[in-house]
């Protein structure tokens, strides 16, 4: 039975989204509910199944 706390994001949406800074592809982290830009070292949050693609809302990653 799937965890009801984990939202799913349409895979087609993830395929077309790119990092707003680098225009590079994003990696989906379902557990953290984030889209990761490895190139920009930013993690964009996903809230209620909606990716928040604002640099101001992203968190920096190592």
PDB file of N, CA and C in Angstrom:
ATOM      1  N   UNK A   1       0.848  -1.194   0.000  1.00  0.00           N
ATOM      2  CA  UNK A   1       0.000   0.000   0.000  1.00  0.00           C
ATOM      3  C   UNK A   1       0.887   1.248   0.000  1.00  0.00           C
ATOM      4  N   UNK A   2       0.685   2.181  -0.951  1.00  0.00           N
ATOM      5  CA  UNK A   2       1.536   3.363  -1.019  1.00  0.00           C
ATOM      6  C   UNK A   2       1.348   4.272   0.191  1.00  0.00           C
ATOM      7  N   UNK A   3       2.409   4.954   0.565  1.00  0.00           N
ATOM      8  CA  UNK A   3       2.369   5.912   1.665  1.00  0.00           C
ATOM      9  C   UNK A   3       1.562   7.124   1.218  1.00  0.00           C
ATOM     10  N   UNK A   4       0.503   7.428   1.954  1.00  0.00           N
ATOM     11  CA  UNK A   4      -0.364   8.541   1.567  1.00  0.00           C
ATOM     12  C   UNK A   4       0.311   9.905   1.751  1.00  0.00           C
ATOM     13  N   UNK A   5       1.389   9.964   2.540  1.00  0.00           N
ATOM     14  CA  UNK A   5       2.092  11.230   2.759  1.00  0.00           C
ATOM     15  C   UNK A   5       2.979  11.594   1.576  1.00  0.00           C
ATOM     16  N   UNK A   6       3.303  10.619   0.741  1.00  0.00           N
ATOM     17  CA  UNK A   6       4.179  10.888  -0.398  1.00  0.00           C
ATOM     18  C   UNK A   6       3.305  11.227  -1.606  1.00  0.00           C
ATOM     19  N   UNK A   7       3.430  12.466  -2.064  1.00  0.00           N
ATOM     20  CA  UNK A   7       2.715  12.903  -3.263  1.00  0.00           C
ATOM     21  C   UNK A   7       3.471  12.395  -4.477  1.00  0.00           C
ATOM     22  N   UNK A   8       2.764  12.177  -5.548  1.00  0.00           N
ATOM     23  CA  UNK A   8       3.451  11.816  -6.779  1.00  0.00           C
ATOM     24  C   UNK A   8       3.341  12.996  -7.746  1.00  0.00           C
ATOM     25  N   UNK A   9       4.374  13.138  -8.538  1.00  0.00           N
ATOM     26  CA  UNK A   9       4.414  14.189  -9.550  1.00  0.00           C
ATOM     27  C   UNK A   9       4.378  13.493 -10.892  1.00  0.00           C
ATOM     28  N   UNK A  10       3.621  14.042 -11.812  1.00  0.00           N
ATOM     29  CA  UNK A  10       3.497  13.464 -13.146  1.00  0.00           C
ATOM     30  C   UNK A  10       4.883  13.333 -13.781  1.00  0.00           C
ATOM     31  N   UNK A  11       5.295  12.112 -14.144  1.00  0.00           N
ATOM     32  CA  UNK A  11       6.626  11.922 -14.746  1.00  0.00           C
ATOM     33  C   UNK A  11       6.833  12.751 -16.016  1.00  0.00           C
ATOM     34  N   UNK A  12       5.766  12.983 -16.767  1.00  0.00           N
ATOM     35  CA  UNK A  12       5.883  13.805 -17.978  1.00  0.00           C
ATOM     36  C   UNK A  12       6.245  15.248 -17.620  1.00  0.00           C
ATOM     37  N   UNK A  13       5.718  15.733 -16.505  1.00  0.00           N
ATOM     38  CA  UNK A  13       6.040  17.077 -16.041  1.00  0.00           C
ATOM     39  C   UNK A  13       7.518  17.159 -15.666  1.00  0.00           C
ATOM     40  N   UNK A  14       8.009  16.162 -14.958  1.00  0.00           N
ATOM     41  CA  UNK A  14       9.417  16.144 -14.562  1.00  0.00           C
ATOM     42  C   UNK A  14      10.321  16.128 -15.789  1.00  0.00           C
ATOM     43  N   UNK A  15       9.904  15.404 -16.827  1.00  0.00           N
ATOM     44  CA  UNK A  15      10.696  15.326 -18.059  1.00  0.00           C
ATOM     45  C   UNK A  15      10.867  16.685 -18.726  1.00  0.00           C
ATOM     46  N   UNK A  16       9.835  17.534 -18.674  1.00  0.00           N
ATOM     47  CA  UNK A  16       9.924  18.817 -19.393  1.00  0.00           C
ATOM     48  C   UNK A  16      10.471  19.950 -18.532  1.00  0.00           C
ATOM     49  N   UNK A  17      10.454  19.798 -17.211  1.00  0.00           N
ATOM     50  CA  UNK A  17      10.982  20.853 -16.349  1.00  0.00           C
ATOM     51  C   UNK A  17      12.504  20.849 -16.372  1.00  0.00           C
ATOM     52  N   UNK A  18      13.079  22.038 -16.345  1.00  0.00           N
ATOM     53  CA  UNK A  18      14.533  22.187 -16.246  1.00  0.00           C
ATOM     54  C   UNK A  18      14.839  23.214 -15.162  1.00  0.00           C
ATOM     55  N   UNK A  19      16.076  23.226 -14.732  1.00  0.00           N
ATOM     56  CA  UNK A  19      16.511  24.195 -13.729  1.00  0.00           C
ATOM     57  C   UNK A  19      16.352  25.600 -14.302  1.00  0.00           C
ATOM     58  N   UNK A  20      15.707  26.522 -13.561  1.00  0.00           N
ATOM     59  CA  UNK A  20      15.524  27.876 -14.075  1.00  0.00           C
ATOM     60  C   UNK A  20      16.841  28.642 -14.223  1.00  0.00           C
ATOM     61  N   UNK A  21      17.878  28.231 -13.516  1.00  0.00           N
ATOM     62  CA  UNK A  21      19.176  28.914 -13.619  1.00  0.00           C
ATOM     63  C   UNK A  21      20.038  28.353 -14.743  1.00  0.00           C
ATOM     64  N   UNK A  22      20.188  27.022 -14.752  1.00  0.00           N
ATOM     65  CA  UNK A  22      21.149  26.400 -15.670  1.00  0.00           C
ATOM     66  C   UNK A  22      20.500  25.776 -16.903  1.00  0.00           C
ATOM     67  N   UNK A  23      19.186  25.650 -16.889  1.00  0.00           N
ATOM     68  CA  UNK A  23      18.421  24.982 -17.957  1.00  0.00           C
ATOM     69  C   UNK A  23      18.810  23.504 -18.096  1.00  0.00           C
ATOM     70  N   UNK A  24      19.409  22.949 -17.055  1.00  0.00           N
ATOM     71  CA  UNK A  24      19.806  21.536 -17.073  1.00  0.00           C
ATOM     72  C   UNK A  24      18.661  20.667 -16.529  1.00  0.00           C
ATOM     73  N   UNK A  25      18.689  19.366 -16.838  1.00  0.00           N
ATOM     74  CA  UNK A  25      17.639  18.460 -16.349  1.00  0.00           C
ATOM     75  C   UNK A  25      17.624  18.383 -14.821  1.00  0.00           C
ATOM     76  N   UNK A  26      16.472  17.995 -14.296  1.00  0.00           N
ATOM     77  CA  UNK A  26      16.298  17.867 -12.850  1.00  0.00           C
ATOM     78  C   UNK A  26      16.132  16.403 -12.474  1.00  0.00           C
ATOM     79  N   UNK A  27      16.532  16.096 -11.266  1.00  0.00           N
ATOM     80  CA  UNK A  27      16.403  14.743 -10.724  1.00  0.00           C
ATOM     81  C   UNK A  27      15.315  14.790  -9.643  1.00  0.00           C
ATOM     82  N   UNK A  28      14.397  13.817  -9.686  1.00  0.00           N
ATOM     83  CA  UNK A  28      13.261  13.784  -8.747  1.00  0.00           C
ATOM     84  C   UNK A  28      13.623  12.974  -7.514  1.00  0.00           C
ATOM     85  N   UNK A  29      13.520  13.578  -6.350  1.00  0.00           N
ATOM     86  CA  UNK A  29      13.717  12.875  -5.077  1.00  0.00           C
ATOM     87  C   UNK A  29      12.335  12.740  -4.434  1.00  0.00           C
ATOM     88  N   UNK A  30      11.734  11.557  -4.613  1.00  0.00           N
ATOM     89  CA  UNK A  30      10.362  11.331  -4.138  1.00  0.00           C
ATOM     90  C   UNK A  30      10.275  11.394  -2.617  1.00  0.00           C
ATOM     91  N   UNK A  31      11.284  10.867  -1.930  1.00  0.00           N
ATOM     92  CA  UNK A  31      11.252  10.837  -0.467  1.00  0.00           C
ATOM     93  C   UNK A  31      11.298  12.249   0.127  1.00  0.00           C
ATOM     94  N   UNK A  32      12.177  13.095  -0.409  1.00  0.00           N
ATOM     95  CA  UNK A  32      12.310  14.470   0.095  1.00  0.00           C
ATOM     96  C   UNK A  32      11.301  15.410  -0.547  1.00  0.00           C
ATOM     97  N   UNK A  33      10.599  14.924  -1.610  1.00  0.00           N
ATOM     98  CA  UNK A  33       9.659  15.762  -2.358  1.00  0.00           C
ATOM     99  C   UNK A  33      10.356  17.016  -2.872  1.00  0.00           C
ATOM    100  N   UNK A  34      11.423  16.778  -3.644  1.00  0.00           N
ATOM    101  CA  UNK A  34      12.193  17.864  -4.231  1.00  0.00           C
ATOM    102  C   UNK A  34      12.624  17.493  -5.640  1.00  0.00           C
ATOM    103  N   UNK A  35      12.843  18.514  -6.440  1.00  0.00           N
ATOM    104  CA  UNK A  35      13.491  18.353  -7.740  1.00  0.00           C
ATOM    105  C   UNK A  35      14.894  18.927  -7.583  1.00  0.00           C
ATOM    106  N   UNK A  36      15.894  18.114  -7.904  1.00  0.00           N
ATOM    107  CA  UNK A  36      17.283  18.465  -7.657  1.00  0.00           C
ATOM    108  C   UNK A  36      17.961  18.914  -8.950  1.00  0.00           C
ATOM    109  N   UNK A  37      18.620  20.058  -8.877  1.00  0.00           N
ATOM    110  CA  UNK A  37      19.479  20.508  -9.960  1.00  0.00           C
ATOM    111  C   UNK A  37      20.917  20.282  -9.498  1.00  0.00           C
ATOM    112  N   UNK A  38      21.521  19.205 -10.010  1.00  0.00           N
ATOM    113  CA  UNK A  38      22.896  18.895  -9.616  1.00  0.00           C
ATOM    114  C   UNK A  38      23.859  19.986 -10.087  1.00  0.00           C
ATOM    115  N   UNK A  39      23.585  20.546 -11.252  1.00  0.00           N
ATOM    116  CA  UNK A  39      24.465  21.567 -11.829  1.00  0.00           C
ATOM    117  C   UNK A  39      24.452  22.850 -10.997  1.00  0.00           C
ATOM    118  N   UNK A  40      23.257  23.290 -10.578  1.00  0.00           N
ATOM    119  CA  UNK A  40      23.129  24.524  -9.787  1.00  0.00           C
ATOM    120  C   UNK A  40      23.278  24.269  -8.286  1.00  0.00           C
ATOM    121  N   UNK A  41      23.300  22.986  -7.901  1.00  0.00           N
ATOM    122  CA  UNK A  41      23.353  22.590  -6.491  1.00  0.00           C
ATOM    123  C   UNK A  41      22.184  23.199  -5.696  1.00  0.00           C
ATOM    124  N   UNK A  42      20.980  23.050  -6.293  1.00  0.00           N
ATOM    125  CA  UNK A  42      19.754  23.536  -5.660  1.00  0.00           C
ATOM    126  C   UNK A  42      18.711  22.424  -5.634  1.00  0.00           C
ATOM    127  N   UNK A  43      17.880  22.456  -4.599  1.00  0.00           N
ATOM    128  CA  UNK A  43      16.762  21.527  -4.478  1.00  0.00           C
ATOM    129  C   UNK A  43      15.480  22.352  -4.432  1.00  0.00           C
ATOM    130  N   UNK A  44      14.624  22.128  -5.435  1.00  0.00           N
ATOM    131  CA  UNK A  44      13.363  22.858  -5.529  1.00  0.00           C
ATOM    132  C   UNK A  44      12.264  22.036  -4.857  1.00  0.00           C
ATOM    133  N   UNK A  45      11.509  22.646  -3.925  1.00  0.00           N
ATOM    134  CA  UNK A  45      10.489  21.891  -3.200  1.00  0.00           C
ATOM    135  C   UNK A  45       9.280  21.541  -4.067  1.00  0.00           C
ATOM    136  N   UNK A  46       8.618  20.462  -3.697  1.00  0.00           N
ATOM    137  CA  UNK A  46       7.346  20.085  -4.320  1.00  0.00           C
ATOM    138  C   UNK A  46       6.311  20.149  -3.206  1.00  0.00           C
ATOM    139  N   UNK A  47       5.328  21.020  -3.383  1.00  0.00           N
ATOM    140  CA  UNK A  47       4.285  21.194  -2.365  1.00  0.00           C
ATOM    141  C   UNK A  47       2.940  20.803  -2.948  1.00  0.00           C
ATOM    142  N   UNK A  48       2.276  19.859  -2.289  1.00  0.00           N
ATOM    143  CA  UNK A  48       0.973  19.367  -2.751  1.00  0.00           C
ATOM    144  C   UNK A  48       1.030  18.912  -4.200  1.00  0.00           C
ATOM    145  N   UNK A  49       2.160  18.281  -4.576  1.00  0.00           N
ATOM    146  CA  UNK A  49       2.307  17.752  -5.922  1.00  0.00           C
ATOM    147  C   UNK A  49       2.706  18.787  -6.966  1.00  0.00           C
ATOM    148  N   UNK A  50       2.959  20.032  -6.533  1.00  0.00           N
ATOM    149  CA  UNK A  50       3.304  21.104  -7.464  1.00  0.00           C
ATOM    150  C   UNK A  50       4.758  21.535  -7.237  1.00  0.00           C
ATOM    151  N   UNK A  51       5.612  21.391  -8.268  1.00  0.00           N
ATOM    152  CA  UNK A  51       6.997  21.842  -8.130  1.00  0.00           C
ATOM    153  C   UNK A  51       7.059  23.375  -8.038  1.00  0.00           C
ATOM    154  N   UNK A  52       7.792  23.869  -7.057  1.00  0.00           N
ATOM    155  CA  UNK A  52       7.975  25.311  -6.870  1.00  0.00           C
ATOM    156  C   UNK A  52       9.331  25.665  -7.485  1.00  0.00           C
ATOM    157  N   UNK A  53       9.291  26.195  -8.708  1.00  0.00           N
ATOM    158  CA  UNK A  53      10.511  26.405  -9.485  1.00  0.00           C
ATOM    159  C   UNK A  53      11.074  27.823  -9.323  1.00  0.00           C
ATOM    160  N   UNK A  54      11.039  28.333  -8.111  1.00  0.00           N
ATOM    161  CA  UNK A  54      11.574  29.670  -7.822  1.00  0.00           C
ATOM    162  C   UNK A  54      12.902  29.525  -7.099  1.00  0.00           C
ATOM    163  N   UNK A  55      13.923  30.197  -7.597  1.00  0.00           N
ATOM    164  CA  UNK A  55      15.250  30.113  -6.984  1.00  0.00           C
ATOM    165  C   UNK A  55      15.184  30.541  -5.503  1.00  0.00           C
ATOM    166  N   UNK A  56      14.367  31.551  -5.209  1.00  0.00           N
ATOM    167  CA  UNK A  56      14.231  32.020  -3.823  1.00  0.00           C
ATOM    168  C   UNK A  56      13.658  30.951  -2.897  1.00  0.00           C
ATOM    169  N   UNK A  57      12.912  30.002  -3.437  1.00  0.00           N
ATOM    170  CA  UNK A  57      12.302  28.936  -2.633  1.00  0.00           C
ATOM    171  C   UNK A  57      13.192  27.687  -2.541  1.00  0.00           C
ATOM    172  N   UNK A  58      14.218  27.628  -3.386  1.00  0.00           N
ATOM    173  CA  UNK A  58      15.091  26.443  -3.428  1.00  0.00           C
ATOM    174  C   UNK A  58      16.055  26.461  -2.256  1.00  0.00           C
ATOM    175  N   UNK A  59      16.508  25.244  -1.883  1.00  0.00           N
ATOM    176  CA  UNK A  59      17.528  25.171  -0.837  1.00  0.00           C
ATOM    177  C   UNK A  59      18.836  24.722  -1.476  1.00  0.00           C
ATOM    178  N   UNK A  60      19.918  25.266  -0.961  1.00  0.00           N
ATOM    179  CA  UNK A  60      21.237  24.892  -1.476  1.00  0.00           C
ATOM    180  C   UNK A  60      21.605  23.512  -0.970  1.00  0.00           C
ATOM    181  N   UNK A  61      22.247  22.743  -1.841  1.00  0.00           N
ATOM    182  CA  UNK A  61      22.710  21.406  -1.468  1.00  0.00           C
ATOM    183  C   UNK A  61      24.217  21.315  -1.699  1.00  0.00           C
ATOM    184  N   UNK A  62      24.824  20.337  -1.043  1.00  0.00           N
ATOM    185  CA  UNK A  62      26.281  20.118  -1.167  1.00  0.00           C
ATOM    186  C   UNK A  62      26.610  19.540  -2.526  1.00  0.00           C
TER     187      UNK A  62
END
